[in-house]
């Protein structure tokens, strides 16, 4: 019998984990190919530090080809441009790839269209990609030479609120270090219905804790707000208010890759793939989607739309679930491993410059039995340590480690 071929689209958190986990599950008795538009792994959680010069690209990236080669995985540095579900092929900029099983882990794109004035050539910066964070760093240096008010925000339909909070508190810390804290008004604009919602429905006492943090740091917060536009020196809200700034960082919503929307019935309007709890797509048992590429339905509605954060921890859990099921299918078994996104535990360390908050909950989405936020400077040290550990883990291909 010919060896089965598993094709993975994407080489970051979800793709690297899925590719190596399948290889390990089957003890190497499978052909695995990864196609990725990027030839480097990026530890996205550290992008919050790049604008302040605390991290350079080399500190939070590594080339993926040597990692895949070491573990017997073929790597193709190319962009996927289409999927033929009937033929089981994927068109890429480096030619066509066939598959027996397909794992889609293509991540996200910034949706800058949601607010005029965002994005490249716009007036507010963001930190959701390495390129964006480097541009934000250049702007921060200009700001230090000519300071003024600062606005940090997350637009309507954004989901990456953790990064917005982290950048907010790191900005406050950096303003203190630069001796600018007393002369700069720092404002937080968010589509969350209340502080500490985080796009996951909030946790017990989270609103009070975040409120205390903001009060201590003298940060003004405006919740449940949508942005209408960003001009050269002010953000206009949909209610007509204007919030002036000299420096602004705004987290936009994410969307999936455009080519996925063209695949017959597989994705929603945002380019996210509709999946079952096994991470198989709804109509194709041999096609999986994990990480940000997988669609997640929120169990609530908010006055101003908010997204759901699909961070590294749940992405790894999805990738391992998919890998177990692919391996089972290759062995001729039923794919029975299930882990719905909402059932995955919430584990996050939110950095705040020289402080932080550890966020723990038994489930990502409510209803929950347990949830807690633990503040303290130990969390800053914990995030620094985790960054080093995780980069070592992924570079070495030790995806079976926690």
Protein backbone atom coordinates (compact mmCIF):
# COMPACT_ATOMS: atom_id res chain seq x y z
CA UNK A 1 0.00 0.00 0.00
CA UNK A 2 1.31 3.44 -0.95
CA UNK A 3 2.17 5.77 1.90
CA UNK A 4 -0.45 8.39 2.54
CA UNK A 5 0.34 12.06 1.98
CA UNK A 6 -0.70 14.75 4.45
CA UNK A 7 -0.53 18.30 3.14
CA UNK A 8 -0.46 21.16 5.64
CA UNK A 9 -1.08 24.74 4.57
CA UNK A 10 0.70 27.13 6.95
CA UNK A 11 3.85 26.81 9.04
CA UNK A 12 3.29 28.78 12.23
CA UNK A 13 1.55 27.70 15.47
CA UNK A 14 -1.12 25.48 13.90
CA UNK A 15 0.72 24.28 10.81
CA UNK A 16 4.04 23.41 12.44
CA UNK A 17 2.28 21.62 15.29
CA UNK A 18 -0.08 19.66 13.03
CA UNK A 19 2.66 18.59 10.60
CA UNK A 20 5.06 17.31 13.24
CA UNK A 21 2.30 15.81 15.40
CA UNK A 22 1.02 13.70 12.47
CA UNK A 23 4.56 12.54 11.77
CA UNK A 24 5.05 11.57 15.42
CA UNK A 25 1.62 9.92 15.76
CA UNK A 26 2.44 7.56 12.87
CA UNK A 27 6.09 7.13 13.90
CA UNK A 28 7.22 8.57 10.58
CA UNK A 29 5.19 6.19 8.41
CA UNK A 30 3.54 8.98 6.43
CA UNK A 31 4.59 11.63 3.93
CA UNK A 32 4.00 15.14 5.26
CA UNK A 33 4.45 18.32 3.22
CA UNK A 34 4.06 21.86 4.53
CA UNK A 35 3.29 24.72 2.14
CA UNK A 36 3.70 28.15 3.69
CA UNK A 37 3.90 31.70 2.38
CA UNK A 38 6.40 32.47 5.15
CA UNK A 39 9.66 30.57 5.64
CA UNK A 40 9.98 31.71 9.26
CA UNK A 41 8.13 30.93 12.47
CA UNK A 42 6.94 34.04 14.33
CA UNK A 43 6.18 34.10 18.05
CA UNK A 44 3.30 36.56 17.72
CA UNK A 45 2.80 37.21 21.47
CA UNK A 46 6.11 39.10 21.58
CA UNK A 47 5.08 41.61 18.92
CA UNK A 48 3.83 43.85 21.76
CA UNK A 49 7.46 44.63 22.64
CA UNK A 50 8.79 45.35 19.13
CA UNK A 51 7.62 49.01 18.88
CA UNK A 52 9.53 49.86 22.06
CA UNK A 53 12.76 48.29 20.80
CA UNK A 54 12.58 45.48 23.37
CA UNK A 55 12.59 42.81 20.65
CA UNK A 56 14.06 42.61 17.15
CA UNK A 57 12.86 40.26 14.42
CA UNK A 58 15.73 37.85 15.07
CA UNK A 59 14.66 37.50 18.72
CA UNK A 60 11.19 36.13 17.97
CA UNK A 61 11.58 34.24 14.68
CA UNK A 62 13.44 31.24 13.32
CA UNK A 63 13.64 29.59 9.87
CA UNK A 64 11.27 26.62 9.66
CA UNK A 65 12.99 24.64 6.89
CA UNK A 66 15.70 23.13 9.16
CA UNK A 67 13.08 22.13 11.74
CA UNK A 68 10.93 20.37 9.15
CA UNK A 69 13.96 18.72 7.52
CA UNK A 70 15.14 17.35 10.85
CA UNK A 71 11.78 15.65 11.34
CA UNK A 72 11.38 14.30 7.82
CA UNK A 73 8.78 16.84 6.67
CA UNK A 74 9.04 18.39 3.20
CA UNK A 75 8.80 22.19 3.21
CA UNK A 76 7.63 24.24 0.23
CA UNK A 77 8.02 28.02 0.52
CA UNK A 78 5.01 29.13 -1.52
CA UNK A 79 1.51 30.58 -1.22
CA UNK A 80 -1.57 28.40 -1.67
CA UNK A 81 -3.89 29.89 -4.29
CA UNK A 82 -6.69 27.35 -4.64
CA UNK A 83 -8.05 23.97 -3.56
CA UNK A 84 -9.72 21.37 -5.78
CA UNK A 85 -11.65 19.22 -3.31
CA UNK A 86 -12.72 16.69 -5.92
CA UNK A 87 -9.19 16.08 -7.23
CA UNK A 88 -7.60 16.49 -3.80
CA UNK A 89 -5.06 19.00 -5.05
CA UNK A 90 -3.89 22.44 -3.94
CA UNK A 91 -2.64 25.05 -6.39
CA UNK A 92 0.37 27.02 -5.13
CA UNK A 93 2.76 29.61 -6.49
CA UNK A 94 5.33 26.77 -6.72
CA UNK A 95 3.08 24.33 -8.57
CA UNK A 96 0.34 21.85 -7.71
CA UNK A 97 0.39 19.66 -4.60
CA UNK A 98 -1.73 16.54 -4.14
CA UNK A 99 -2.96 15.17 -0.83
CA UNK A 100 -4.79 12.30 0.82
CA UNK A 101 -5.45 14.48 3.88
CA UNK A 102 -5.34 18.25 4.05
CA UNK A 103 -4.86 20.46 7.13
CA UNK A 104 -5.58 24.16 6.62
CA UNK A 105 -3.69 26.37 9.08
CA UNK A 106 -3.33 29.52 7.00
CA UNK A 107 -3.79 32.01 9.84
CA UNK A 108 -5.19 35.51 9.40
CA UNK A 109 -5.07 38.77 7.50
CA UNK A 110 -5.80 42.18 8.96
CA UNK A 111 -9.19 43.57 7.93
CA UNK A 112 -8.26 47.23 7.64
CA UNK A 113 -11.37 48.05 5.62
CA UNK A 114 -13.52 48.06 8.75
CA UNK A 115 -12.39 51.62 9.63
CA UNK A 116 -11.17 54.19 7.07
CA UNK A 117 -7.70 55.45 7.91
CA UNK A 118 -6.37 52.17 9.33
CA UNK A 119 -3.68 50.07 7.74
CA UNK A 120 -0.65 50.71 5.54
CA UNK A 121 -0.66 54.35 4.53
CA UNK A 122 -3.22 55.10 7.24
CA UNK A 123 -2.88 57.19 10.36
CA UNK A 124 -2.94 54.56 13.13
CA UNK A 125 -0.45 51.75 13.55
CA UNK A 126 -1.00 48.16 14.61
CA UNK A 127 1.17 45.31 15.98
CA UNK A 128 -0.55 42.23 14.59
CA UNK A 129 2.20 41.34 12.10
CA UNK A 130 5.97 41.73 12.30
CA UNK A 131 5.97 44.29 9.48
CA UNK A 132 3.23 46.29 11.21
CA UNK A 133 5.09 46.20 14.52
CA UNK A 134 8.30 47.45 12.89
CA UNK A 135 6.40 50.38 11.36
CA UNK A 136 4.91 51.07 14.80
CA UNK A 137 8.45 51.13 16.18
CA UNK A 138 9.54 53.77 13.68
CA UNK A 139 6.50 55.88 14.60
CA UNK A 140 7.22 55.46 18.33
CA UNK A 141 10.70 56.89 17.86
CA UNK A 142 9.17 59.90 16.09
CA UNK A 143 6.66 60.22 18.92
CA UNK A 144 9.40 60.31 21.57
CA UNK A 145 10.98 63.25 19.77
CA UNK A 146 7.64 65.10 19.62
CA UNK A 147 5.25 63.62 22.23
CA UNK A 148 1.53 64.17 22.66
CA UNK A 149 -1.60 62.21 23.52
CA UNK A 150 -1.72 58.45 22.86
CA UNK A 151 -4.70 56.28 21.89
CA UNK A 152 -4.67 52.49 22.03
CA UNK A 153 -7.72 50.65 20.75
CA UNK A 154 -9.46 47.62 19.30
CA UNK A 155 -12.04 48.17 16.58
CA UNK A 156 -15.52 46.74 16.24
CA UNK A 157 -15.33 42.99 15.39
CA UNK A 158 -11.71 42.78 16.63
CA UNK A 159 -10.89 39.71 18.70
CA UNK A 160 -7.26 40.14 19.76
CA UNK A 161 -8.05 42.19 22.87
CA UNK A 162 -5.26 40.63 24.93
CA UNK A 163 -2.63 42.23 22.69
CA UNK A 164 -4.43 45.58 22.91
CA UNK A 165 -4.37 45.48 26.73
CA UNK A 166 -0.76 44.35 26.80
CA UNK A 167 0.32 47.13 24.48
CA UNK A 168 -1.73 49.62 26.48
CA UNK A 169 -0.01 48.81 29.76
CA UNK A 170 3.42 48.49 28.12
CA UNK A 171 2.86 51.95 26.61
CA UNK A 172 2.08 53.34 30.05
CA UNK A 173 5.25 51.73 31.43
CA UNK A 174 7.38 53.10 28.58
CA UNK A 175 5.92 56.59 29.03
CA UNK A 176 7.02 56.47 32.67
CA UNK A 177 10.51 55.34 31.71
CA UNK A 178 10.75 58.21 29.21
CA UNK A 179 9.56 60.73 31.79
CA UNK A 180 6.45 61.53 29.73
CA UNK A 181 3.69 59.95 31.80
CA UNK A 182 2.42 63.17 33.41
CA UNK A 183 2.24 65.15 30.17
CA UNK A 184 0.62 62.47 27.96
CA UNK A 185 -3.06 61.55 28.08
CA UNK A 186 -3.44 57.82 27.45
CA UNK A 187 -6.83 56.57 26.24
CA UNK A 188 -8.12 53.04 25.58
CA UNK A 189 -10.93 52.58 23.04
CA UNK A 190 -12.56 49.16 22.81
CA UNK A 191 -15.58 47.45 21.30
CA UNK A 192 -15.81 45.22 24.39
CA UNK A 193 -19.09 45.70 26.28
CA UNK A 194 -17.04 46.02 29.47
CA UNK A 195 -13.39 46.01 30.52
CA UNK A 196 -11.92 42.51 30.68
CA UNK A 197 -14.39 40.93 28.27
CA UNK A 198 -11.36 39.89 26.15
CA UNK A 199 -13.63 38.49 23.44
CA UNK A 200 -14.28 35.43 25.63
CA UNK A 201 -17.20 36.75 27.69
CA UNK A 202 -15.13 37.99 30.63
CA UNK A 203 -14.04 36.25 33.84
CA UNK A 204 -15.05 36.72 37.50
CA UNK A 205 -13.81 40.07 38.87
CA UNK A 206 -12.04 40.79 35.56
CA UNK A 207 -13.83 44.08 35.02
CA UNK A 208 -12.94 45.27 38.53
CA UNK A 209 -9.30 44.20 38.17
CA UNK A 210 -8.82 45.88 34.81
CA UNK A 211 -10.60 48.98 36.11
CA UNK A 212 -8.16 49.14 39.02
CA UNK A 213 -5.21 48.76 36.64
CA UNK A 214 -6.45 51.59 34.43
CA UNK A 215 -7.17 53.86 37.40
CA UNK A 216 -3.71 53.21 38.84
CA UNK A 217 -2.09 54.01 35.49
CA UNK A 218 -4.38 57.05 34.94
CA UNK A 219 -5.72 55.62 31.68
CA UNK A 220 -9.12 56.72 30.42
CA UNK A 221 -11.20 53.88 28.92
CA UNK A 222 -14.15 54.06 26.53
CA UNK A 223 -15.97 50.73 26.17
CA UNK A 224 -18.71 49.50 23.82
CA UNK A 225 -17.59 51.85 21.08
CA UNK A 226 -17.18 51.58 17.32
CA UNK A 227 -14.77 53.65 15.27
CA UNK A 228 -15.93 55.60 12.23
CA UNK A 229 -12.55 56.73 10.93
CA UNK A 230 -8.94 57.59 11.71
CA UNK A 231 -7.56 60.96 10.62
CA UNK A 232 -4.05 62.35 10.91
CA UNK A 233 -4.49 63.38 14.54
CA UNK A 234 -7.79 61.97 15.83
CA UNK A 235 -10.01 58.89 15.88
CA UNK A 236 -13.67 59.63 15.18
CA UNK A 237 -16.20 57.38 16.92
CA UNK A 238 -19.56 56.44 15.41
CA UNK A 239 -21.32 58.67 17.95
CA UNK A 240 -19.43 61.68 16.60
CA UNK A 241 -16.87 62.06 19.38
CA UNK A 242 -13.26 62.69 18.40
CA UNK A 243 -10.30 61.37 20.40
CA UNK A 244 -7.10 63.24 19.51
CA UNK A 245 -3.68 61.57 19.39
CA UNK A 246 -0.07 62.06 18.46
CA UNK A 247 0.47 58.27 18.42
CA UNK A 248 -2.20 55.60 17.92
CA UNK A 249 -2.12 51.80 17.87
CA UNK A 250 -5.34 50.05 16.87
CA UNK A 251 -6.00 46.30 16.65
CA UNK A 252 -8.23 45.51 13.65
CA UNK A 253 -10.41 42.43 13.07
CA UNK A 254 -8.89 39.39 11.40
CA UNK A 255 -10.17 37.55 8.33
CA UNK A 256 -9.12 34.34 6.62
CA UNK A 257 -7.27 33.99 3.33
CA UNK A 258 -9.11 35.13 0.21
CA UNK A 259 -8.54 31.96 -1.81
CA UNK A 260 -10.46 29.92 0.78
CA UNK A 261 -13.64 31.88 0.09
CA UNK A 262 -13.52 30.59 -3.48
CA UNK A 263 -13.45 26.92 -2.44
CA UNK A 264 -16.91 25.46 -2.96
CA UNK A 265 -18.89 25.81 0.27
CA UNK A 266 -15.98 25.28 2.64
CA UNK A 267 -15.63 28.74 4.19
CA UNK A 268 -17.79 31.54 5.54
CA UNK A 269 -17.82 35.14 4.31
CA UNK A 270 -14.69 35.97 6.34
CA UNK A 271 -12.70 33.10 4.86
CA UNK A 272 -12.90 30.94 7.99
CA UNK A 273 -13.44 27.20 7.57
CA UNK A 274 -16.54 25.64 9.14
CA UNK A 275 -15.47 22.58 11.17
CA UNK A 276 -16.82 19.80 13.38
CA UNK A 277 -15.42 19.13 16.88
CA UNK A 278 -12.91 16.77 15.21
CA UNK A 279 -11.69 19.78 13.14
CA UNK A 280 -12.81 18.02 9.98
CA UNK A 281 -14.72 20.29 7.62
CA UNK A 282 -18.48 19.83 7.52
CA UNK A 283 -18.64 17.91 4.23
CA UNK A 284 -15.14 16.54 3.65
CA UNK A 285 -13.75 13.97 6.07
CA UNK A 286 -10.23 14.28 4.66
CA UNK A 287 -9.99 18.08 5.05
CA UNK A 288 -9.25 19.76 8.39
CA UNK A 289 -8.86 23.35 9.57
CA UNK A 290 -7.17 24.54 12.77
CA UNK A 291 -6.19 27.77 14.49
CA UNK A 292 -7.45 31.09 13.23
CA UNK A 293 -8.47 29.43 9.95
CA UNK A 294 -11.21 27.50 11.77
CA UNK A 295 -14.55 29.26 12.23
CA UNK A 296 -15.80 29.73 15.80
CA UNK A 297 -19.33 30.87 16.66
CA UNK A 298 -19.68 33.18 19.67
CA UNK A 299 -22.33 32.11 22.22
CA UNK A 300 -23.48 35.72 22.68
CA UNK A 301 -24.26 38.97 20.96
CA UNK A 302 -22.85 42.31 22.07
CA UNK A 303 -24.11 45.84 21.31
CA UNK A 304 -20.90 46.55 19.41
CA UNK A 305 -19.60 43.45 17.58
CA UNK A 306 -16.58 41.69 19.08
CA UNK A 307 -14.57 38.78 17.73
CA UNK A 308 -13.15 35.74 19.50
CA UNK A 309 -9.39 35.46 20.10
CA UNK A 310 -7.93 32.26 18.64
CA UNK A 311 -4.56 32.42 20.40
CA UNK A 312 -1.59 30.06 20.43
CA UNK A 313 -2.78 27.75 23.22
CA UNK A 314 -6.11 26.76 21.63
CA UNK A 315 -4.46 26.64 18.21
CA UNK A 316 -2.03 23.99 19.45
CA UNK A 317 -4.92 22.04 21.00
CA UNK A 318 -6.82 22.12 17.70
CA UNK A 319 -3.73 21.03 15.76
CA UNK A 320 -3.10 18.06 18.06
CA UNK A 321 -6.76 17.03 17.81
CA UNK A 322 -6.63 17.16 14.03
CA UNK A 323 -3.31 15.25 13.96
CA UNK A 324 -4.73 12.43 16.10
CA UNK A 325 -7.73 12.13 13.80
CA UNK A 326 -5.67 12.16 10.61
CA UNK A 327 -3.44 9.46 12.07
CA UNK A 328 -6.50 7.40 13.02
CA UNK A 329 -7.89 7.65 9.48
CA UNK A 330 -4.56 6.58 7.98
CA UNK A 331 -4.57 3.56 10.30
CA UNK A 332 -8.07 2.71 9.04
CA UNK A 333 -9.81 3.81 12.25
CA UNK A 334 -12.61 6.27 12.93
CA UNK A 335 -11.50 9.83 13.82
CA UNK A 336 -12.99 10.11 17.32
CA UNK A 337 -10.81 12.74 18.99
CA UNK A 338 -12.91 15.83 19.75
CA UNK A 339 -12.13 19.16 21.40
CA UNK A 340 -14.49 21.99 20.61
CA UNK A 341 -12.88 25.42 20.75
CA UNK A 342 -15.13 26.56 23.59
CA UNK A 343 -14.14 23.53 25.70
CA UNK A 344 -10.39 24.18 25.48
CA UNK A 345 -8.99 25.67 28.73
CA UNK A 346 -8.10 29.37 28.69
CA UNK A 347 -4.46 29.97 29.63
CA UNK A 348 -2.91 33.38 28.99
CA UNK A 349 -0.20 35.56 30.50
CA UNK A 350 -0.95 39.24 29.92
CA UNK A 351 2.19 41.38 30.19
CA UNK A 352 2.11 44.93 31.55
CA UNK A 353 5.67 46.17 31.26
CA UNK A 354 6.97 45.25 34.70
CA UNK A 355 3.71 43.70 35.89
CA UNK A 356 1.05 41.42 34.47
CA UNK A 357 -2.00 39.19 34.87
CA UNK A 358 -2.27 35.41 34.63
CA UNK A 359 -5.62 34.40 33.12
CA UNK A 360 -6.90 30.87 33.79
CA UNK A 361 -10.28 29.28 33.09
CA UNK A 362 -11.56 25.75 32.64
CA UNK A 363 -13.04 26.65 29.24
CA UNK A 364 -12.38 29.29 26.58
CA UNK A 365 -16.06 30.22 26.29
CA UNK A 366 -18.90 30.28 28.85
CA UNK A 367 -20.63 28.69 30.61
CA UNK A 368 -17.65 27.92 32.84
CA UNK A 369 -17.14 26.39 36.26
CA UNK A 370 -13.89 28.16 37.07
CA UNK A 371 -12.07 31.32 36.00
CA UNK A 372 -9.50 33.51 37.70
CA UNK A 373 -7.19 36.45 37.03
CA UNK A 374 -3.99 36.57 39.12
CA UNK A 375 -2.14 39.92 39.00
CA UNK A 376 1.48 40.52 39.95
CA UNK A 377 5.02 41.22 38.68
CA UNK A 378 5.73 37.47 38.58
CA UNK A 379 3.62 37.30 35.44
CA UNK A 380 6.03 39.56 33.54
CA UNK A 381 8.86 37.16 34.42
CA UNK A 382 6.63 34.23 33.49
CA UNK A 383 5.96 35.64 30.01
CA UNK A 384 9.66 36.26 29.42
CA UNK A 385 10.46 32.69 30.40
CA UNK A 386 7.62 31.24 28.33
CA UNK A 387 8.79 33.13 25.24
CA UNK A 388 12.24 31.51 25.45
CA UNK A 389 10.80 28.07 26.21
CA UNK A 390 8.24 28.14 23.41
CA UNK A 391 10.70 29.27 20.75
CA UNK A 392 13.08 26.49 21.85
CA UNK A 393 10.23 23.97 21.80
CA UNK A 394 9.00 24.85 18.32
CA UNK A 395 12.44 25.27 16.76
CA UNK A 396 13.38 21.82 18.03
CA UNK A 397 10.09 20.36 16.86
CA UNK A 398 9.17 19.23 20.38
CA UNK A 399 5.47 19.72 19.73
CA UNK A 400 4.49 16.97 22.17
CA UNK A 401 5.67 19.10 25.10
CA UNK A 402 3.17 21.37 26.84
